[in-house]
N, C-alpha and C. Protein backbone atom coordinates (compact mmCIF):
# COMPACT_ATOMS: atom_id res chain seq x y z
N MET A 1 1.44 2.55 -39.55
CA MET A 1 0.46 3.38 -38.87
C MET A 1 -0.55 3.87 -39.91
N ASN A 2 -1.84 3.68 -39.62
CA ASN A 2 -2.86 4.15 -40.56
C ASN A 2 -3.17 5.63 -40.33
N LYS A 3 -4.03 6.21 -41.17
CA LYS A 3 -4.32 7.65 -41.08
C LYS A 3 -4.99 8.02 -39.77
N GLY A 4 -5.86 7.14 -39.26
CA GLY A 4 -6.52 7.41 -37.99
C GLY A 4 -5.54 7.46 -36.84
N GLN A 5 -4.62 6.51 -36.80
CA GLN A 5 -3.60 6.50 -35.74
C GLN A 5 -2.68 7.71 -35.85
N ALA A 6 -2.33 8.06 -37.07
CA ALA A 6 -1.47 9.23 -37.28
C ALA A 6 -2.18 10.50 -36.82
N ALA A 7 -3.48 10.59 -37.09
CA ALA A 7 -4.24 11.77 -36.66
C ALA A 7 -4.32 11.83 -35.13
N GLU A 8 -4.49 10.69 -34.48
CA GLU A 8 -4.52 10.67 -33.02
C GLU A 8 -3.19 11.11 -32.43
N GLN A 9 -2.09 10.67 -33.02
CA GLN A 9 -0.76 11.10 -32.57
C GLN A 9 -0.59 12.60 -32.77
N GLN A 10 -1.03 13.10 -33.92
CA GLN A 10 -0.94 14.52 -34.22
C GLN A 10 -1.77 15.33 -33.21
N ALA A 11 -2.96 14.84 -32.90
CA ALA A 11 -3.83 15.51 -31.93
C ALA A 11 -3.19 15.51 -30.55
N ARG A 12 -2.63 14.38 -30.16
CA ARG A 12 -1.98 14.30 -28.84
C ARG A 12 -0.85 15.32 -28.74
N HIS A 13 0.01 15.37 -29.74
CA HIS A 13 1.14 16.31 -29.71
C HIS A 13 0.65 17.75 -29.70
N TYR A 14 -0.38 18.02 -30.47
CA TYR A 14 -0.96 19.37 -30.51
C TYR A 14 -1.46 19.77 -29.12
N LEU A 15 -2.20 18.88 -28.47
CA LEU A 15 -2.76 19.18 -27.14
C LEU A 15 -1.65 19.31 -26.09
N GLU A 16 -0.62 18.48 -26.20
CA GLU A 16 0.51 18.60 -25.26
C GLU A 16 1.20 19.96 -25.43
N LYS A 17 1.30 20.45 -26.64
CA LYS A 17 1.89 21.77 -26.88
C LYS A 17 1.03 22.88 -26.28
N GLN A 18 -0.27 22.60 -26.11
CA GLN A 18 -1.18 23.56 -25.50
C GLN A 18 -1.16 23.46 -23.97
N GLY A 19 -0.32 22.58 -23.43
CA GLY A 19 -0.17 22.46 -21.99
C GLY A 19 -0.94 21.32 -21.34
N MET A 20 -1.58 20.50 -22.14
CA MET A 20 -2.34 19.38 -21.58
C MET A 20 -1.40 18.20 -21.31
N ILE A 21 -1.82 17.35 -20.38
CA ILE A 21 -1.03 16.18 -20.01
C ILE A 21 -1.74 14.92 -20.51
N PHE A 22 -0.98 14.06 -21.18
CA PHE A 22 -1.52 12.80 -21.70
C PHE A 22 -1.84 11.85 -20.56
N VAL A 23 -3.02 11.23 -20.62
CA VAL A 23 -3.44 10.25 -19.62
C VAL A 23 -3.55 8.86 -20.25
N ALA A 24 -4.30 8.74 -21.36
CA ALA A 24 -4.50 7.44 -21.99
C ALA A 24 -4.95 7.63 -23.43
N ALA A 25 -4.80 6.56 -24.22
CA ALA A 25 -5.25 6.58 -25.61
C ALA A 25 -5.98 5.29 -25.93
N ASN A 26 -6.92 5.39 -26.83
CA ASN A 26 -7.66 4.23 -27.33
C ASN A 26 -8.23 3.36 -26.21
N VAL A 27 -8.96 3.99 -25.32
CA VAL A 27 -9.61 3.27 -24.23
C VAL A 27 -10.88 2.66 -24.81
N ARG A 28 -10.92 1.33 -24.84
CA ARG A 28 -12.01 0.63 -25.52
C ARG A 28 -12.84 -0.21 -24.55
N TYR A 29 -14.13 -0.14 -24.78
CA TYR A 29 -15.10 -0.98 -24.10
C TYR A 29 -16.02 -1.53 -25.19
N PRO A 30 -16.77 -2.58 -24.90
CA PRO A 30 -17.65 -3.15 -25.94
C PRO A 30 -18.66 -2.14 -26.50
N PHE A 31 -18.99 -1.13 -25.74
CA PHE A 31 -20.03 -0.18 -26.14
C PHE A 31 -19.50 1.17 -26.58
N GLY A 32 -18.18 1.36 -26.59
CA GLY A 32 -17.64 2.65 -27.02
C GLY A 32 -16.15 2.76 -26.83
N GLU A 33 -15.58 3.78 -27.45
CA GLU A 33 -14.13 4.01 -27.38
C GLU A 33 -13.85 5.49 -27.18
N ILE A 34 -12.79 5.76 -26.45
CA ILE A 34 -12.31 7.13 -26.25
C ILE A 34 -10.95 7.21 -26.93
N ASP A 35 -10.81 8.14 -27.87
CA ASP A 35 -9.55 8.25 -28.61
C ASP A 35 -8.41 8.70 -27.70
N LEU A 36 -8.61 9.79 -26.98
CA LEU A 36 -7.58 10.32 -26.08
C LEU A 36 -8.22 10.78 -24.78
N ILE A 37 -7.49 10.59 -23.71
CA ILE A 37 -7.86 11.18 -22.43
C ILE A 37 -6.68 12.05 -22.02
N MET A 38 -6.96 13.33 -21.81
CA MET A 38 -5.94 14.29 -21.46
C MET A 38 -6.35 14.98 -20.17
N GLN A 39 -5.40 15.64 -19.54
CA GLN A 39 -5.71 16.42 -18.35
C GLN A 39 -5.28 17.86 -18.57
N GLN A 40 -6.19 18.77 -18.26
CA GLN A 40 -5.90 20.21 -18.34
C GLN A 40 -6.17 20.77 -16.96
N GLN A 41 -5.10 21.06 -16.24
CA GLN A 41 -5.17 21.47 -14.84
C GLN A 41 -5.92 20.38 -14.07
N SER A 42 -7.05 20.70 -13.44
CA SER A 42 -7.77 19.68 -12.67
C SER A 42 -8.91 19.04 -13.45
N THR A 43 -9.00 19.32 -14.74
CA THR A 43 -10.09 18.79 -15.57
C THR A 43 -9.61 17.63 -16.43
N LEU A 44 -10.36 16.54 -16.39
CA LEU A 44 -10.10 15.40 -17.26
C LEU A 44 -10.85 15.64 -18.57
N VAL A 45 -10.13 15.53 -19.68
CA VAL A 45 -10.71 15.86 -20.98
C VAL A 45 -10.74 14.61 -21.86
N PHE A 46 -11.94 14.23 -22.28
CA PHE A 46 -12.13 13.11 -23.20
C PHE A 46 -12.16 13.70 -24.61
N VAL A 47 -11.26 13.22 -25.45
CA VAL A 47 -11.07 13.82 -26.77
C VAL A 47 -11.43 12.84 -27.88
N GLU A 48 -12.31 13.28 -28.75
CA GLU A 48 -12.63 12.53 -29.97
C GLU A 48 -11.83 13.16 -31.10
N VAL A 49 -11.09 12.33 -31.83
CA VAL A 49 -10.27 12.81 -32.94
C VAL A 49 -10.95 12.42 -34.24
N LYS A 50 -11.17 13.41 -35.09
CA LYS A 50 -11.79 13.17 -36.39
C LYS A 50 -10.85 13.66 -37.48
N TYR A 51 -10.53 12.76 -38.40
CA TYR A 51 -9.68 13.12 -39.54
C TYR A 51 -10.47 12.96 -40.83
N ARG A 52 -10.35 13.93 -41.69
CA ARG A 52 -10.93 13.83 -43.02
C ARG A 52 -9.92 14.42 -44.00
N SER A 53 -9.75 13.76 -45.12
CA SER A 53 -8.80 14.24 -46.12
C SER A 53 -9.37 15.40 -46.92
N SER A 54 -10.67 15.65 -46.75
CA SER A 54 -11.32 16.71 -47.50
C SER A 54 -12.41 17.36 -46.64
N THR A 55 -12.73 18.59 -46.94
CA THR A 55 -13.83 19.25 -46.23
C THR A 55 -15.15 19.02 -46.96
N GLN A 56 -15.11 18.27 -48.04
CA GLN A 56 -16.32 17.94 -48.78
C GLN A 56 -17.27 17.16 -47.86
N PHE A 57 -18.54 17.36 -47.97
CA PHE A 57 -19.56 16.70 -47.15
C PHE A 57 -19.46 17.11 -45.68
N GLY A 58 -18.97 18.31 -45.41
CA GLY A 58 -18.94 18.82 -44.04
C GLY A 58 -17.64 18.59 -43.30
N GLY A 59 -16.72 17.84 -43.85
CA GLY A 59 -15.43 17.64 -43.21
C GLY A 59 -15.49 16.78 -41.96
N ALA A 60 -14.49 16.92 -41.13
CA ALA A 60 -14.33 16.06 -39.96
C ALA A 60 -15.44 16.23 -38.94
N LEU A 61 -15.89 17.44 -38.71
CA LEU A 61 -16.91 17.67 -37.69
C LEU A 61 -18.24 17.05 -38.04
N ALA A 62 -18.58 17.02 -39.29
CA ALA A 62 -19.86 16.45 -39.72
C ALA A 62 -19.90 14.94 -39.51
N ALA A 63 -18.74 14.34 -39.28
CA ALA A 63 -18.68 12.88 -39.11
C ALA A 63 -19.05 12.43 -37.70
N LEU A 64 -19.30 13.36 -36.80
CA LEU A 64 -19.62 13.01 -35.41
C LEU A 64 -21.14 12.93 -35.26
N SER A 65 -21.64 11.70 -35.12
CA SER A 65 -23.08 11.49 -35.03
C SER A 65 -23.56 11.49 -33.58
N LYS A 66 -24.87 11.62 -33.40
CA LYS A 66 -25.44 11.56 -32.05
C LYS A 66 -25.20 10.20 -31.42
N ALA A 67 -25.29 9.15 -32.21
CA ALA A 67 -25.04 7.80 -31.69
C ALA A 67 -23.59 7.66 -31.21
N GLN A 68 -22.67 8.24 -31.95
CA GLN A 68 -21.26 8.17 -31.56
C GLN A 68 -21.03 8.97 -30.28
N ILE A 69 -21.66 10.13 -30.16
CA ILE A 69 -21.55 10.93 -28.94
C ILE A 69 -22.06 10.13 -27.74
N THR A 70 -23.15 9.43 -27.91
CA THR A 70 -23.70 8.60 -26.83
C THR A 70 -22.71 7.51 -26.43
N ARG A 71 -22.09 6.86 -27.42
CA ARG A 71 -21.10 5.80 -27.11
C ARG A 71 -19.89 6.37 -26.38
N ILE A 72 -19.42 7.54 -26.78
CA ILE A 72 -18.27 8.16 -26.13
C ILE A 72 -18.62 8.52 -24.68
N ARG A 73 -19.80 9.07 -24.48
CA ARG A 73 -20.24 9.43 -23.12
C ARG A 73 -20.34 8.19 -22.23
N ARG A 74 -20.88 7.11 -22.76
CA ARG A 74 -20.98 5.86 -21.99
C ARG A 74 -19.60 5.33 -21.63
N ALA A 75 -18.68 5.38 -22.58
CA ALA A 75 -17.31 4.92 -22.33
C ALA A 75 -16.65 5.79 -21.27
N ALA A 76 -16.85 7.09 -21.33
CA ALA A 76 -16.26 8.00 -20.34
C ALA A 76 -16.84 7.73 -18.95
N ASP A 77 -18.15 7.54 -18.86
CA ASP A 77 -18.78 7.21 -17.57
C ASP A 77 -18.19 5.93 -17.01
N HIS A 78 -18.04 4.93 -17.85
CA HIS A 78 -17.48 3.65 -17.41
C HIS A 78 -16.03 3.82 -16.95
N TYR A 79 -15.25 4.59 -17.69
CA TYR A 79 -13.85 4.84 -17.32
C TYR A 79 -13.78 5.48 -15.94
N LEU A 80 -14.61 6.48 -15.70
CA LEU A 80 -14.61 7.17 -14.40
C LEU A 80 -15.01 6.23 -13.27
N GLN A 81 -16.05 5.43 -13.50
CA GLN A 81 -16.50 4.48 -12.47
C GLN A 81 -15.45 3.40 -12.21
N ARG A 82 -14.89 2.87 -13.26
CA ARG A 82 -13.91 1.79 -13.15
C ARG A 82 -12.65 2.24 -12.40
N ASN A 83 -12.29 3.52 -12.57
CA ASN A 83 -11.10 4.05 -11.92
C ASN A 83 -11.40 4.81 -10.64
N SER A 84 -12.66 4.81 -10.23
CA SER A 84 -13.11 5.47 -8.99
C SER A 84 -12.60 6.90 -8.88
N ILE A 85 -12.80 7.66 -9.95
CA ILE A 85 -12.39 9.06 -9.93
C ILE A 85 -13.59 9.94 -10.28
N THR A 86 -13.58 11.13 -9.69
CA THR A 86 -14.69 12.06 -9.93
C THR A 86 -14.19 13.48 -10.19
N PRO A 87 -13.29 13.65 -11.16
CA PRO A 87 -12.82 15.00 -11.45
C PRO A 87 -13.83 15.76 -12.31
N ALA A 88 -13.59 17.04 -12.47
CA ALA A 88 -14.35 17.80 -13.46
C ALA A 88 -13.99 17.22 -14.82
N CYS A 89 -14.96 17.10 -15.71
CA CYS A 89 -14.73 16.49 -17.02
C CYS A 89 -15.25 17.39 -18.13
N ARG A 90 -14.68 17.14 -19.32
CA ARG A 90 -15.10 17.89 -20.50
C ARG A 90 -14.91 16.99 -21.71
N PHE A 91 -15.71 17.22 -22.74
CA PHE A 91 -15.60 16.48 -23.99
C PHE A 91 -15.18 17.45 -25.09
N ASP A 92 -14.05 17.16 -25.71
CA ASP A 92 -13.52 17.99 -26.79
C ASP A 92 -13.45 17.19 -28.08
N VAL A 93 -13.38 17.90 -29.18
CA VAL A 93 -13.18 17.29 -30.49
C VAL A 93 -11.98 17.97 -31.14
N ILE A 94 -11.10 17.15 -31.68
CA ILE A 94 -10.01 17.64 -32.52
C ILE A 94 -10.36 17.21 -33.94
N ALA A 95 -10.60 18.18 -34.80
CA ALA A 95 -10.94 17.92 -36.20
C ALA A 95 -9.72 18.25 -37.05
N ILE A 96 -9.23 17.23 -37.75
CA ILE A 96 -7.99 17.39 -38.52
C ILE A 96 -8.27 17.19 -40.00
N THR A 97 -7.77 18.12 -40.79
CA THR A 97 -7.72 17.98 -42.24
C THR A 97 -6.25 18.17 -42.62
N PRO A 98 -5.88 17.85 -43.85
CA PRO A 98 -4.48 18.08 -44.23
C PRO A 98 -4.03 19.53 -44.06
N GLN A 99 -4.98 20.47 -44.08
CA GLN A 99 -4.63 21.88 -44.00
C GLN A 99 -4.61 22.44 -42.58
N GLN A 100 -5.37 21.85 -41.66
CA GLN A 100 -5.46 22.49 -40.34
C GLN A 100 -5.94 21.54 -39.26
N ILE A 101 -5.79 22.02 -38.01
CA ILE A 101 -6.32 21.35 -36.82
C ILE A 101 -7.27 22.33 -36.15
N ASN A 102 -8.48 21.86 -35.89
CA ASN A 102 -9.46 22.66 -35.14
C ASN A 102 -9.71 21.96 -33.81
N TRP A 103 -9.59 22.71 -32.73
CA TRP A 103 -9.81 22.17 -31.39
C TRP A 103 -11.08 22.81 -30.84
N LEU A 104 -12.10 22.01 -30.67
CA LEU A 104 -13.38 22.48 -30.16
C LEU A 104 -13.56 21.97 -28.74
N GLN A 105 -13.61 22.87 -27.80
CA GLN A 105 -13.68 22.50 -26.39
C GLN A 105 -15.12 22.47 -25.89
N GLY A 106 -15.43 21.47 -25.06
CA GLY A 106 -16.75 21.37 -24.46
C GLY A 106 -17.84 21.16 -25.48
N CYS A 107 -17.61 20.31 -26.44
CA CYS A 107 -18.54 20.12 -27.56
C CYS A 107 -19.83 19.39 -27.19
N PHE A 108 -19.72 18.41 -26.32
CA PHE A 108 -20.93 17.64 -26.00
C PHE A 108 -20.87 17.13 -24.58
């Protein structure tokens, strides 16, 4: 398991401890990928997981570009259309460093 996969597992377990329900992981389309899809009550949550071994250069959060946000949004739209579902949705980021986990809700 590489560091990215380990971070996604760590994020999933963290969110499950917060009461969220796992739906899917690594949902890939040619134009974008969703790291985790979780459910919090009636809201479907698309989660981007960012791991950085250091906070140098802005850490994990600084690694999320506008282009990447656009790809994640396109992938989420496609996922919803493909599965014919229309729940309330939210985009969260889990930023992981060796020292901590930051959960940012409704980021984009």
